Amino acid sequence: MKPVRGFTLFEVLVALAILAIALTALLRSAGLAADNSEALRARMLATWEAQNRLETIKALREWPEVGSSSGEIKPDGGQAALRWQRDVSGTPNPNFRRVVIRILPSDGANYTLAELTGFVQRPR
């Protein structure tokens, strides 16, 4: 009689266990990639908002007062609301002011999504 070839039940169970572990790792990796993608999107939008705020000051030729101010942003398109903080300080040259704009999440979290520093020239 010729020996029967094939896999034993134990070999099949080991193969299924290895496959289950590999698929679990793959799903976890895909989930982390999706979370990372959303975080990058939020930071990109926050950076754009900070750039828009600084460029608006320059375009309107504003001379902001030294000090801090803050507010809330309600973006279009269904994105979550954001908070902004603006710190204005003097420089050694009296014709320039340093402007730091921070964009933070509106949920009260204490981390910065984007921070931008620029300089504004006194209007002539």
PDB file of N, CA and C in Angstrom:
ATOM      1  N   MET A   1       0.840  -1.165   0.000  1.00  0.00           N
ATOM      2  CA  MET A   1       0.000   0.000   0.000  1.00  0.00           C
ATOM      3  C   MET A   1       0.891   1.236   0.000  1.00  0.00           C
ATOM      4  N   LYS A   2       0.471   2.200  -0.792  1.00  0.00           N
ATOM      5  CA  LYS A   2       1.201   3.442  -0.936  1.00  0.00           C
ATOM      6  C   LYS A   2       0.842   4.378   0.223  1.00  0.00           C
ATOM      7  N   PRO A   3       1.864   5.090   0.831  1.00  0.00           N
ATOM      8  CA  PRO A   3       1.537   6.004   1.937  1.00  0.00           C
ATOM      9  C   PRO A   3       0.678   7.171   1.449  1.00  0.00           C
ATOM     10  N   VAL A   4      -0.243   7.575   2.297  1.00  0.00           N
ATOM     11  CA  VAL A   4      -1.141   8.695   1.978  1.00  0.00           C
ATOM     12  C   VAL A   4      -0.408   9.997   2.258  1.00  0.00           C
ATOM     13  N   ARG A   5      -0.495  10.902   1.288  1.00  0.00           N
ATOM     14  CA  ARG A   5       0.152  12.204   1.453  1.00  0.00           C
ATOM     15  C   ARG A   5      -0.902  13.236   1.783  1.00  0.00           C
ATOM     16  N   GLY A   6      -0.511  14.233   2.605  1.00  0.00           N
ATOM     17  CA  GLY A   6      -1.422  15.312   2.980  1.00  0.00           C
ATOM     18  C   GLY A   6      -0.969  15.943   4.274  1.00  0.00           C
ATOM     19  N   PHE A   7      -1.758  16.848   4.745  1.00  0.00           N
ATOM     20  CA  PHE A   7      -1.430  17.560   5.976  1.00  0.00           C
ATOM     21  C   PHE A   7      -2.204  16.956   7.138  1.00  0.00           C
ATOM     22  N   THR A   8      -1.549  16.956   8.268  1.00  0.00           N
ATOM     23  CA  THR A   8      -2.244  16.498   9.466  1.00  0.00           C
ATOM     24  C   THR A   8      -3.086  17.648  10.006  1.00  0.00           C
ATOM     25  N   LEU A   9      -3.993  17.308  10.869  1.00  0.00           N
ATOM     26  CA  LEU A   9      -4.852  18.328  11.481  1.00  0.00           C
ATOM     27  C   LEU A   9      -4.016  19.346  12.251  1.00  0.00           C
ATOM     28  N   PHE A  10      -2.992  18.890  12.915  1.00  0.00           N
ATOM     29  CA  PHE A  10      -2.121  19.786  13.677  1.00  0.00           C
ATOM     30  C   PHE A  10      -1.426  20.790  12.761  1.00  0.00           C
ATOM     31  N   GLU A  11      -0.919  20.350  11.618  1.00  0.00           N
ATOM     32  CA  GLU A  11      -0.257  21.250  10.666  1.00  0.00           C
ATOM     33  C   GLU A  11      -1.227  22.299  10.121  1.00  0.00           C
ATOM     34  N   VAL A  12      -2.437  21.898   9.867  1.00  0.00           N
ATOM     35  CA  VAL A  12      -3.445  22.847   9.374  1.00  0.00           C
ATOM     36  C   VAL A  12      -3.763  23.888  10.440  1.00  0.00           C
ATOM     37  N   LEU A  13      -3.895  23.469  11.699  1.00  0.00           N
ATOM     38  CA  LEU A  13      -4.177  24.407  12.781  1.00  0.00           C
ATOM     39  C   LEU A  13      -3.040  25.399  12.991  1.00  0.00           C
ATOM     40  N   VAL A  14      -1.803  24.934  12.889  1.00  0.00           N
ATOM     41  CA  VAL A  14      -0.644  25.827  13.028  1.00  0.00           C
ATOM     42  C   VAL A  14      -0.638  26.854  11.887  1.00  0.00           C
ATOM     43  N   ALA A  15      -0.908  26.399  10.681  1.00  0.00           N
ATOM     44  CA  ALA A  15      -0.945  27.312   9.535  1.00  0.00           C
ATOM     45  C   ALA A  15      -2.052  28.361   9.701  1.00  0.00           C
ATOM     46  N   LEU A  16      -3.221  27.941  10.183  1.00  0.00           N
ATOM     47  CA  LEU A  16      -4.313  28.890  10.417  1.00  0.00           C
ATOM     48  C   LEU A  16      -3.965  29.894  11.518  1.00  0.00           C
ATOM     49  N   ALA A  17      -3.284  29.441  12.545  1.00  0.00           N
ATOM     50  CA  ALA A  17      -2.874  30.354  13.621  1.00  0.00           C
ATOM     51  C   ALA A  17      -1.890  31.400  13.100  1.00  0.00           C
ATOM     52  N   ILE A  18      -0.944  30.978  12.289  1.00  0.00           N
ATOM     53  CA  ILE A  18       0.023  31.923  11.699  1.00  0.00           C
ATOM     54  C   ILE A  18      -0.695  32.913  10.796  1.00  0.00           C
ATOM     55  N   LEU A  19      -1.612  32.444   9.997  1.00  0.00           N
ATOM     56  CA  LEU A  19      -2.379  33.318   9.112  1.00  0.00           C
ATOM     57  C   LEU A  19      -3.219  34.322   9.909  1.00  0.00           C
ATOM     58  N   ALA A  20      -3.831  33.870  10.999  1.00  0.00           N
ATOM     59  CA  ALA A  20      -4.646  34.764  11.829  1.00  0.00           C
ATOM     60  C   ALA A  20      -3.785  35.858  12.456  1.00  0.00           C
ATOM     61  N   ILE A  21      -2.601  35.515  12.923  1.00  0.00           N
ATOM     62  CA  ILE A  21      -1.694  36.517  13.508  1.00  0.00           C
ATOM     63  C   ILE A  21      -1.254  37.522  12.440  1.00  0.00           C
ATOM     64  N   ALA A  22      -0.931  37.048  11.268  1.00  0.00           N
ATOM     65  CA  ALA A  22      -0.501  37.940  10.180  1.00  0.00           C
ATOM     66  C   ALA A  22      -1.633  38.885   9.763  1.00  0.00           C
ATOM     67  N   LEU A  23      -2.848  38.384   9.647  1.00  0.00           N
ATOM     68  CA  LEU A  23      -3.975  39.238   9.263  1.00  0.00           C
ATOM     69  C   LEU A  23      -4.305  40.267  10.343  1.00  0.00           C
ATOM     70  N   THR A  24      -4.166  39.881  11.612  1.00  0.00           N
ATOM     71  CA  THR A  24      -4.387  40.819  12.710  1.00  0.00           C
ATOM     72  C   THR A  24      -3.374  41.959  12.648  1.00  0.00           C
ATOM     73  N   ALA A  25      -2.115  41.620  12.403  1.00  0.00           N
ATOM     74  CA  ALA A  25      -1.073  42.650  12.283  1.00  0.00           C
ATOM     75  C   ALA A  25      -1.349  43.559  11.089  1.00  0.00           C
ATOM     76  N   LEU A  26      -1.820  43.002  10.005  1.00  0.00           N
ATOM     77  CA  LEU A  26      -2.136  43.793   8.814  1.00  0.00           C
ATOM     78  C   LEU A  26      -3.286  44.762   9.081  1.00  0.00           C
ATOM     79  N   LEU A  27      -4.325  44.293   9.752  1.00  0.00           N
ATOM     80  CA  LEU A  27      -5.458  45.164  10.087  1.00  0.00           C
ATOM     81  C   LEU A  27      -5.036  46.278  11.037  1.00  0.00           C
ATOM     82  N   ARG A  28      -4.205  45.954  12.010  1.00  0.00           N
ATOM     83  CA  ARG A  28      -3.706  46.976  12.946  1.00  0.00           C
ATOM     84  C   ARG A  28      -2.897  48.027  12.193  1.00  0.00           C
ATOM     85  N   SER A  29      -2.060  47.591  11.283  1.00  0.00           N
ATOM     86  CA  SER A  29      -1.247  48.511  10.485  1.00  0.00           C
ATOM     87  C   SER A  29      -2.125  49.429   9.631  1.00  0.00           C
ATOM     88  N   ALA A  30      -3.165  48.884   9.030  1.00  0.00           N
ATOM     89  CA  ALA A  30      -4.078  49.689   8.210  1.00  0.00           C
ATOM     90  C   ALA A  30      -4.818  50.703   9.072  1.00  0.00           C
ATOM     91  N   GLY A  31      -5.216  50.309  10.277  1.00  0.00           N
ATOM     92  CA  GLY A  31      -5.887  51.233  11.190  1.00  0.00           C
ATOM     93  C   GLY A  31      -4.986  52.377  11.613  1.00  0.00           C
ATOM     94  N   LEU A  32      -3.733  52.082  11.914  1.00  0.00           N
ATOM     95  CA  LEU A  32      -2.780  53.133  12.285  1.00  0.00           C
ATOM     96  C   LEU A  32      -2.523  54.081  11.123  1.00  0.00           C
ATOM     97  N   ALA A  33      -2.447  53.543   9.925  1.00  0.00           N
ATOM     98  CA  ALA A  33      -2.236  54.391   8.750  1.00  0.00           C
ATOM     99  C   ALA A  33      -3.418  55.337   8.543  1.00  0.00           C
ATOM    100  N   ALA A  34      -4.618  54.855   8.768  1.00  0.00           N
ATOM    101  CA  ALA A  34      -5.801  55.710   8.627  1.00  0.00           C
ATOM    102  C   ALA A  34      -5.812  56.800   9.685  1.00  0.00           C
ATOM    103  N   ASP A  35      -5.476  56.461  10.926  1.00  0.00           N
ATOM    104  CA  ASP A  35      -5.400  57.465  11.990  1.00  0.00           C
ATOM    105  C   ASP A  35      -4.334  58.503  11.684  1.00  0.00           C
ATOM    106  N   ASN A  36      -3.186  58.064  11.220  1.00  0.00           N
ATOM    107  CA  ASN A  36      -2.093  58.966  10.890  1.00  0.00           C
ATOM    108  C   ASN A  36      -2.493  59.901   9.753  1.00  0.00           C
ATOM    109  N   SER A  37      -3.222  59.391   8.796  1.00  0.00           N
ATOM    110  CA  SER A  37      -3.674  60.191   7.667  1.00  0.00           C
ATOM    111  C   SER A  37      -4.594  61.322   8.135  1.00  0.00           C
ATOM    112  N   GLU A  38      -5.486  61.028   9.064  1.00  0.00           N
ATOM    113  CA  GLU A  38      -6.397  62.052   9.583  1.00  0.00           C
ATOM    114  C   GLU A  38      -5.632  63.103  10.380  1.00  0.00           C
ATOM    115  N   ALA A  39      -4.649  62.686  11.161  1.00  0.00           N
ATOM    116  CA  ALA A  39      -3.843  63.641  11.929  1.00  0.00           C
ATOM    117  C   ALA A  39      -3.045  64.551  11.001  1.00  0.00           C
ATOM    118  N   LEU A  40      -2.484  63.992   9.947  1.00  0.00           N
ATOM    119  CA  LEU A  40      -1.742  64.805   8.979  1.00  0.00           C
ATOM    120  C   LEU A  40      -2.661  65.800   8.277  1.00  0.00           C
ATOM    121  N   ARG A  41      -3.868  65.386   7.973  1.00  0.00           N
ATOM    122  CA  ARG A  41      -4.834  66.281   7.331  1.00  0.00           C
ATOM    123  C   ARG A  41      -5.176  67.451   8.253  1.00  0.00           C
ATOM    124  N   ALA A  42      -5.401  67.163   9.540  1.00  0.00           N
ATOM    125  CA  ALA A  42      -5.717  68.231  10.493  1.00  0.00           C
ATOM    126  C   ALA A  42      -4.555  69.202  10.631  1.00  0.00           C
ATOM    127  N   ARG A  43      -3.335  68.703  10.671  1.00  0.00           N
ATOM    128  CA  ARG A  43      -2.167  69.579  10.774  1.00  0.00           C
ATOM    129  C   ARG A  43      -1.979  70.415   9.510  1.00  0.00           C
ATOM    130  N   MET A  44      -2.248  69.822   8.351  1.00  0.00           N
ATOM    131  CA  MET A  44      -2.124  70.566   7.106  1.00  0.00           C
ATOM    132  C   MET A  44      -3.142  71.715   7.065  1.00  0.00           C
ATOM    133  N   LEU A  45      -4.389  71.444   7.438  1.00  0.00           N
ATOM    134  CA  LEU A  45      -5.405  72.496   7.461  1.00  0.00           C
ATOM    135  C   LEU A  45      -5.060  73.577   8.473  1.00  0.00           C
ATOM    136  N   ALA A  46      -4.510  73.185   9.620  1.00  0.00           N
ATOM    137  CA  ALA A  46      -4.114  74.158  10.639  1.00  0.00           C
ATOM    138  C   ALA A  46      -2.965  75.029  10.137  1.00  0.00           C
ATOM    139  N   THR A  47      -2.033  74.445   9.423  1.00  0.00           N
ATOM    140  CA  THR A  47      -0.918  75.219   8.863  1.00  0.00           C
ATOM    141  C   THR A  47      -1.430  76.223   7.843  1.00  0.00           C
ATOM    142  N   TRP A  48      -2.352  75.816   6.992  1.00  0.00           N
ATOM    143  CA  TRP A  48      -2.944  76.745   6.027  1.00  0.00           C
ATOM    144  C   TRP A  48      -3.637  77.896   6.734  1.00  0.00           C
ATOM    145  N   GLU A  49      -4.366  77.583   7.800  1.00  0.00           N
ATOM    146  CA  GLU A  49      -5.077  78.625   8.535  1.00  0.00           C
ATOM    147  C   GLU A  49      -4.095  79.614   9.162  1.00  0.00           C
ATOM    148  N   ALA A  50      -3.004  79.123   9.723  1.00  0.00           N
ATOM    149  CA  ALA A  50      -1.990  80.006  10.304  1.00  0.00           C
ATOM    150  C   ALA A  50      -1.370  80.896   9.222  1.00  0.00           C
ATOM    151  N   GLN A  51      -1.055  80.322   8.075  1.00  0.00           N
ATOM    152  CA  GLN A  51      -0.495  81.107   6.978  1.00  0.00           C
ATOM    153  C   GLN A  51      -1.492  82.158   6.502  1.00  0.00           C
ATOM    154  N   ASN A  52      -2.763  81.789   6.394  1.00  0.00           N
ATOM    155  CA  ASN A  52      -3.789  82.751   5.974  1.00  0.00           C
ATOM    156  C   ASN A  52      -3.891  83.915   6.945  1.00  0.00           C
ATOM    157  N   ARG A  53      -3.839  83.635   8.242  1.00  0.00           N
ATOM    158  CA  ARG A  53      -3.947  84.698   9.244  1.00  0.00           C
ATOM    159  C   ARG A  53      -2.760  85.653   9.161  1.00  0.00           C
ATOM    160  N   LEU A  54      -1.556  85.121   9.005  1.00  0.00           N
ATOM    161  CA  LEU A  54      -0.379  85.980   8.906  1.00  0.00           C
ATOM    162  C   LEU A  54      -0.398  86.792   7.615  1.00  0.00           C
ATOM    163  N   GLU A  55      -0.742  86.167   6.517  1.00  0.00           N
ATOM    164  CA  GLU A  55      -0.767  86.878   5.235  1.00  0.00           C
ATOM    165  C   GLU A  55      -1.874  87.926   5.185  1.00  0.00           C
ATOM    166  N   THR A  56      -2.982  87.699   5.896  1.00  0.00           N
ATOM    167  CA  THR A  56      -4.048  88.700   5.966  1.00  0.00           C
ATOM    168  C   THR A  56      -3.552  89.957   6.674  1.00  0.00           C
ATOM    169  N   ILE A  57      -2.799  89.775   7.760  1.00  0.00           N
ATOM    170  CA  ILE A  57      -2.225  90.930   8.464  1.00  0.00           C
ATOM    171  C   ILE A  57      -1.327  91.721   7.517  1.00  0.00           C
ATOM    172  N   LYS A  58      -0.499  91.019   6.759  1.00  0.00           N
ATOM    173  CA  LYS A  58       0.414  91.690   5.826  1.00  0.00           C
ATOM    174  C   LYS A  58      -0.345  92.356   4.684  1.00  0.00           C
ATOM    175  N   ALA A  59      -1.331  91.663   4.133  1.00  0.00           N
ATOM    176  CA  ALA A  59      -2.073  92.206   2.990  1.00  0.00           C
ATOM    177  C   ALA A  59      -2.865  93.451   3.367  1.00  0.00           C
ATOM    178  N   LEU A  60      -3.430  93.467   4.570  1.00  0.00           N
ATOM    179  CA  LEU A  60      -4.202  94.627   5.023  1.00  0.00           C
ATOM    180  C   LEU A  60      -3.313  95.719   5.601  1.00  0.00           C
ATOM    181  N   ARG A  61      -2.011  95.457   5.628  1.00  0.00           N
ATOM    182  CA  ARG A  61      -1.022  96.399   6.145  1.00  0.00           C
ATOM    183  C   ARG A  61      -1.363  96.841   7.567  1.00  0.00           C
ATOM    184  N   GLU A  62      -1.744  95.854   8.385  1.00  0.00           N
ATOM    185  CA  GLU A  62      -2.069  96.121   9.782  1.00  0.00           C
ATOM    186  C   GLU A  62      -0.781  96.302  10.588  1.00  0.00           C
ATOM    187  N   TRP A  63      -0.875  97.042  11.656  1.00  0.00           N
ATOM    188  CA  TRP A  63       0.211  97.186  12.613  1.00  0.00           C
ATOM    189  C   TRP A  63      -0.335  96.685  13.943  1.00  0.00           C
ATOM    190  N   PRO A  64      -0.232  95.369  14.200  1.00  0.00           N
ATOM    191  CA  PRO A  64      -0.881  94.788  15.379  1.00  0.00           C
ATOM    192  C   PRO A  64      -0.269  95.303  16.680  1.00  0.00           C
ATOM    193  N   GLU A  65      -1.121  95.449  17.686  1.00  0.00           N
ATOM    194  CA  GLU A  65      -0.673  95.870  19.009  1.00  0.00           C
ATOM    195  C   GLU A  65       0.103  94.740  19.673  1.00  0.00           C
ATOM    196  N   VAL A  66       1.105  95.116  20.461  1.00  0.00           N
ATOM    197  CA  VAL A  66       1.870  94.132  21.216  1.00  0.00           C
ATOM    198  C   VAL A  66       0.952  93.489  22.250  1.00  0.00           C
ATOM    199  N   GLY A  67       0.999  92.185  22.350  1.00  0.00           N
ATOM    200  CA  GLY A  67       0.172  91.456  23.304  1.00  0.00           C
ATOM    201  C   GLY A  67      -0.381  90.187  22.696  1.00  0.00           C
ATOM    202  N   SER A  68      -1.298  89.575  23.411  1.00  0.00           N
ATOM    203  CA  SER A  68      -1.889  88.307  22.976  1.00  0.00           C
ATOM    204  C   SER A  68      -3.363  88.480  22.669  1.00  0.00           C
ATOM    205  N   SER A  69      -3.836  87.693  21.728  1.00  0.00           N
ATOM    206  CA  SER A  69      -5.265  87.637  21.424  1.00  0.00           C
ATOM    207  C   SER A  69      -5.578  86.212  20.986  1.00  0.00           C
ATOM    208  N   SER A  70      -6.855  85.877  21.023  1.00  0.00           N
ATOM    209  CA  SER A  70      -7.250  84.523  20.636  1.00  0.00           C
ATOM    210  C   SER A  70      -8.692  84.536  20.157  1.00  0.00           C
ATOM    211  N   GLY A  71      -9.078  83.439  19.544  1.00  0.00           N
ATOM    212  CA  GLY A  71     -10.442  83.316  19.051  1.00  0.00           C
ATOM    213  C   GLY A  71     -10.689  81.921  18.529  1.00  0.00           C
ATOM    214  N   GLU A  72     -11.826  81.772  17.870  1.00  0.00           N
ATOM    215  CA  GLU A  72     -12.202  80.471  17.336  1.00  0.00           C
ATOM    216  C   GLU A  72     -12.432  80.587  15.840  1.00  0.00           C
ATOM    217  N   ILE A  73     -12.099  79.537  15.136  1.00  0.00           N
ATOM    218  CA  ILE A  73     -12.261  79.463  13.687  1.00  0.00           C
ATOM    219  C   ILE A  73     -13.344  78.445  13.400  1.00  0.00           C
ATOM    220  N   LYS A  74     -14.281  78.802  12.562  1.00  0.00           N
ATOM    221  CA  LYS A  74     -15.302  77.857  12.122  1.00  0.00           C
ATOM    222  C   LYS A  74     -15.093  77.632  10.620  1.00  0.00           C
ATOM    223  N   PRO A  75     -14.266  76.637  10.276  1.00  0.00           N
ATOM    224  CA  PRO A  75     -13.957  76.410   8.856  1.00  0.00           C
ATOM    225  C   PRO A  75     -15.164  75.906   8.072  1.00  0.00           C
ATOM    226  N   ASP A  76     -15.109  76.140   6.776  1.00  0.00           N
ATOM    227  CA  ASP A  76     -16.143  75.640   5.874  1.00  0.00           C
ATOM    228  C   ASP A  76     -15.897  74.165   5.582  1.00  0.00           C
ATOM    229  N   GLY A  77     -16.880  73.502   5.056  1.00  0.00           N
ATOM    230  CA  GLY A  77     -16.713  72.134   4.593  1.00  0.00           C
ATOM    231  C   GLY A  77     -16.856  71.076   5.658  1.00  0.00           C
ATOM    232  N   GLY A  78     -17.375  71.425   6.817  1.00  0.00           N
ATOM    233  CA  GLY A  78     -17.644  70.414   7.820  1.00  0.00           C
ATOM    234  C   GLY A  78     -16.464  70.013   8.689  1.00  0.00           C
ATOM    235  N   GLN A  79     -15.328  70.716   8.566  1.00  0.00           N
ATOM    236  CA  GLN A  79     -14.211  70.392   9.451  1.00  0.00           C
ATOM    237  C   GLN A  79     -14.529  70.849  10.868  1.00  0.00           C
ATOM    238  N   ALA A  80     -13.834  70.269  11.816  1.00  0.00           N
ATOM    239  CA  ALA A  80     -14.031  70.635  13.218  1.00  0.00           C
ATOM    240  C   ALA A  80     -13.525  72.056  13.454  1.00  0.00           C
ATOM    241  N   ALA A  81     -14.153  72.744  14.391  1.00  0.00           N
ATOM    242  CA  ALA A  81     -13.731  74.099  14.736  1.00  0.00           C
ATOM    243  C   ALA A  81     -12.330  74.055  15.344  1.00  0.00           C
ATOM    244  N   LEU A  82     -11.622  75.159  15.198  1.00  0.00           N
ATOM    245  CA  LEU A  82     -10.272  75.285  15.724  1.00  0.00           C
ATOM    246  C   LEU A  82     -10.172  76.557  16.560  1.00  0.00           C
ATOM    247  N   ARG A  83      -9.161  76.621  17.412  1.00  0.00           N
ATOM    248  CA  ARG A  83      -8.876  77.846  18.154  1.00  0.00           C
ATOM    249  C   ARG A  83      -7.575  78.438  17.629  1.00  0.00           C
ATOM    250  N   TRP A  84      -7.447  79.760  17.695  1.00  0.00           N
ATOM    251  CA  TRP A  84      -6.199  80.392  17.317  1.00  0.00           C
ATOM    252  C   TRP A  84      -5.721  81.292  18.452  1.00  0.00           C
ATOM    253  N   GLN A  85      -4.410  81.428  18.546  1.00  0.00           N
ATOM    254  CA  GLN A  85      -3.782  82.339  19.490  1.00  0.00           C
ATOM    255  C   GLN A  85      -2.760  83.160  18.716  1.00  0.00           C
ATOM    256  N   ARG A  86      -2.727  84.459  18.986  1.00  0.00           N
ATOM    257  CA  ARG A  86      -1.759  85.327  18.316  1.00  0.00           C
ATOM    258  C   ARG A  86      -0.992  86.090  19.383  1.00  0.00           C
ATOM    259  N   ASP A  87       0.326  85.961  19.363  1.00  0.00           N
ATOM    260  CA  ASP A  87       1.206  86.697  20.267  1.00  0.00           C
ATOM    261  C   ASP A  87       2.044  87.656  19.434  1.00  0.00           C
ATOM    262  N   VAL A  88       1.948  88.937  19.747  1.00  0.00           N
ATOM    263  CA  VAL A  88       2.690  89.965  19.033  1.00  0.00           C
ATOM    264  C   VAL A  88       3.699  90.557  19.999  1.00  0.00           C
ATOM    265  N   SER A  89       4.941  90.663  19.557  1.00  0.00           N
ATOM    266  CA  SER A  89       5.983  91.253  20.385  1.00  0.00           C
ATOM    267  C   SER A  89       6.835  92.175  19.533  1.00  0.00           C
ATOM    268  N   GLY A  90       7.522  93.074  20.216  1.00  0.00           N
ATOM    269  CA  GLY A  90       8.408  93.990  19.518  1.00  0.00           C
ATOM    270  C   GLY A  90       9.704  93.296  19.117  1.00  0.00           C
ATOM    271  N   THR A  91      10.473  93.982  18.299  1.00  0.00           N
ATOM    272  CA  THR A  91      11.787  93.499  17.876  1.00  0.00           C
ATOM    273  C   THR A  91      12.796  94.613  18.158  1.00  0.00           C
ATOM    274  N   PRO A  92      14.080  94.327  18.044  1.00  0.00           N
ATOM    275  CA  PRO A  92      15.071  95.393  18.226  1.00  0.00           C
ATOM    276  C   PRO A  92      14.887  96.536  17.227  1.00  0.00           C
ATOM    277  N   ASN A  93      14.353  96.246  16.063  1.00  0.00           N
ATOM    278  CA  ASN A  93      14.058  97.281  15.070  1.00  0.00           C
ATOM    279  C   ASN A  93      12.617  97.742  15.296  1.00  0.00           C
ATOM    280  N   PRO A  94      12.393  99.009  15.646  1.00  0.00           N
ATOM    281  CA  PRO A  94      11.032  99.462  15.961  1.00  0.00           C
ATOM    282  C   PRO A  94      10.073  99.452  14.765  1.00  0.00           C
ATOM    283  N   ASN A  95      10.573  99.218  13.577  1.00  0.00           N
ATOM    284  CA  ASN A  95       9.716  99.179  12.391  1.00  0.00           C
ATOM    285  C   ASN A  95       9.158  97.788  12.098  1.00  0.00           C
ATOM    286  N   PHE A  96       9.473  96.814  12.962  1.00  0.00           N
ATOM    287  CA  PHE A  96       8.995  95.446  12.754  1.00  0.00           C
ATOM    288  C   PHE A  96       8.393  94.914  14.045  1.00  0.00           C
ATOM    289  N   ARG A  97       7.424  94.040  13.886  1.00  0.00           N
ATOM    290  CA  ARG A  97       6.843  93.315  15.012  1.00  0.00           C
ATOM    291  C   ARG A  97       6.873  91.829  14.683  1.00  0.00           C
ATOM    292  N   ARG A  98       7.112  91.055  15.716  1.00  0.00           N
ATOM    293  CA  ARG A  98       7.128  89.593  15.586  1.00  0.00           C
ATOM    294  C   ARG A  98       5.736  89.076  15.910  1.00  0.00           C
ATOM    295  N   VAL A  99       5.198  88.262  15.022  1.00  0.00           N
ATOM    296  CA  VAL A  99       3.854  87.709  15.196  1.00  0.00           C
ATOM    297  C   VAL A  99       3.956  86.184  15.214  1.00  0.00           C
ATOM    298  N   VAL A 100       3.453  85.578  16.294  1.00  0.00           N
ATOM    299  CA  VAL A 100       3.424  84.114  16.415  1.00  0.00           C
ATOM    300  C   VAL A 100       1.956  83.701  16.423  1.00  0.00           C
ATOM    301  N   ILE A 101       1.598  82.847  15.488  1.00  0.00           N
ATOM    302  CA  ILE A 101       0.215  82.369  15.388  1.00  0.00           C
ATOM    303  C   ILE A 101       0.211  80.872  15.664  1.00  0.00           C
ATOM    304  N   ARG A 102      -0.642  80.468  16.597  1.00  0.00           N
ATOM    305  CA  ARG A 102      -0.799  79.051  16.936  1.00  0.00           C
ATOM    306  C   ARG A 102      -2.233  78.632  16.634  1.00  0.00           C
ATOM    307  N   ILE A 103      -2.370  77.450  16.071  1.00  0.00           N
ATOM    308  CA  ILE A 103      -3.682  76.867  15.817  1.00  0.00           C
ATOM    309  C   ILE A 103      -3.802  75.629  16.696  1.00  0.00           C
ATOM    310  N   LEU A 104      -4.889  75.576  17.479  1.00  0.00           N
ATOM    311  CA  LEU A 104      -5.112  74.487  18.432  1.00  0.00           C
ATOM    312  C   LEU A 104      -6.476  73.858  18.179  1.00  0.00           C
ATOM    313  N   PRO A 105      -6.666  72.613  18.612  1.00  0.00           N
ATOM    314  CA  PRO A 105      -7.996  72.010  18.482  1.00  0.00           C
ATOM    315  C   PRO A 105      -8.979  72.703  19.416  1.00  0.00           C
ATOM    316  N   SER A 106     -10.244  72.728  19.045  1.00  0.00           N
ATOM    317  CA  SER A 106     -11.250  73.443  19.831  1.00  0.00           C
ATOM    318  C   SER A 106     -11.730  72.664  21.042  1.00  0.00           C
ATOM    319  N   ASP A 107     -11.352  71.395  21.143  1.00  0.00           N
ATOM    320  CA  ASP A 107     -11.854  70.568  22.248  1.00  0.00           C
ATOM    321  C   ASP A 107     -11.139  70.835  23.571  1.00  0.00           C
ATOM    322  N   GLY A 108     -10.306  71.863  23.626  1.00  0.00           N
ATOM    323  CA  GLY A 108      -9.623  72.212  24.862  1.00  0.00           C
ATOM    324  C   GLY A 108      -8.318  71.458  25.064  1.00  0.00           C
ATOM    325  N   ALA A 109      -7.939  70.626  24.114  1.00  0.00           N
ATOM    326  CA  ALA A 109      -6.665  69.912  24.221  1.00  0.00           C
ATOM    327  C   ALA A 109      -5.529  70.924  24.249  1.00  0.00           C
ATOM    328  N   ASN A 110      -4.480  70.576  24.945  1.00  0.00           N
ATOM    329  CA  ASN A 110      -3.402  71.527  25.164  1.00  0.00           C
ATOM    330  C   ASN A 110      -2.210  71.269  24.249  1.00  0.00           C
ATOM    331  N   TYR A 111      -2.438  70.934  23.006  1.00  0.00           N
ATOM    332  CA  TYR A 111      -1.345  70.757  22.063  1.00  0.00           C
ATOM    333  C   TYR A 111      -1.595  71.625  20.838  1.00  0.00           C
ATOM    334  N   THR A 112      -0.530  71.969  20.153  1.00  0.00           N
ATOM    335  CA  THR A 112      -0.591  72.867  19.008  1.00  0.00           C
ATOM    336  C   THR A 112      -0.593  72.052  17.720  1.00  0.00           C
ATOM    337  N   LEU A 113      -1.570  72.321  16.864  1.00  0.00           N
ATOM    338  CA  LEU A 113      -1.598  71.664  15.552  1.00  0.00           C
ATOM    339  C   LEU A 113      -0.602  72.318  14.603  1.00  0.00           C
ATOM    340  N   ALA A 114      -0.489  73.646  14.678  1.00  0.00           N
ATOM    341  CA  ALA A 114       0.438  74.377  13.814  1.00  0.00           C
ATOM    342  C   ALA A 114       0.870  75.648  14.527  1.00  0.00           C
ATOM    343  N   GLU A 115       2.106  76.043  14.295  1.00  0.00           N
ATOM    344  CA  GLU A 115       2.618  77.294  14.831  1.00  0.00           C
ATOM    345  C   GLU A 115       3.440  77.967  13.742  1.00  0.00           C
ATOM    346  N   LEU A 116       3.198  79.256  13.541  1.00  0.00           N
ATOM    347  CA  LEU A 116       3.872  80.001  12.492  1.00  0.00           C
ATOM    348  C   LEU A 116       4.358  81.318  13.071  1.00  0.00           C
ATOM    349  N   THR A 117       5.601  81.658  12.801  1.00  0.00           N
ATOM    350  CA  THR A 117       6.180  82.919  13.248  1.00  0.00           C
ATOM    351  C   THR A 117       6.505  83.756  12.019  1.00  0.00           C
ATOM    352  N   GLY A 118       6.126  85.016  12.059  1.00  0.00           N
ATOM    353  CA  GLY A 118       6.412  85.929  10.962  1.00  0.00           C
ATOM    354  C   GLY A 118       6.695  87.316  11.501  1.00  0.00           C
ATOM    355  N   PHE A 119       7.083  88.200  10.619  1.00  0.00           N
ATOM    356  CA  PHE A 119       7.384  89.573  10.984  1.00  0.00           C
ATOM    357  C   PHE A 119       6.571  90.516  10.116  1.00  0.00           C
ATOM    358  N   VAL A 120       6.058  91.547  10.754  1.00  0.00           N
ATOM    359  CA  VAL A 120       5.210  92.528  10.063  1.00  0.00           C
ATOM    360  C   VAL A 120       5.931  93.865  10.087  1.00  0.00           C
ATOM    361  N   GLN A 121       5.937  94.529   8.942  1.00  0.00           N
ATOM    362  CA  GLN A 121       6.592  95.830   8.831  1.00  0.00           C
ATOM    363  C   GLN A 121       5.594  96.946   9.089  1.00  0.00           C
ATOM    364  N   ARG A 122       6.048  97.990   9.785  1.00  0.00           N
ATOM    365  CA  ARG A 122       5.176  99.151  10.050  1.00  0.00           C
ATOM    366  C   ARG A 122       4.754  99.771   8.731  1.00  0.00           C
ATOM    367  N   PRO A 123       3.456 100.031   8.567  1.00  0.00           N
ATOM    368  CA  PRO A 123       3.003 100.663   7.325  1.00  0.00           C
ATOM    369  C   PRO A 123       3.565 102.083   7.214  1.00  0.00           C
ATOM    370  N   ARG A 124       3.820 102.508   6.003  1.00  0.00           N
ATOM    371  CA  ARG A 124       4.373 103.856   5.783  1.00  0.00           C
ATOM    372  C   ARG A 124       3.317 104.812   5.357  1.00  0.00           C
TER     373      ARG A 124
END
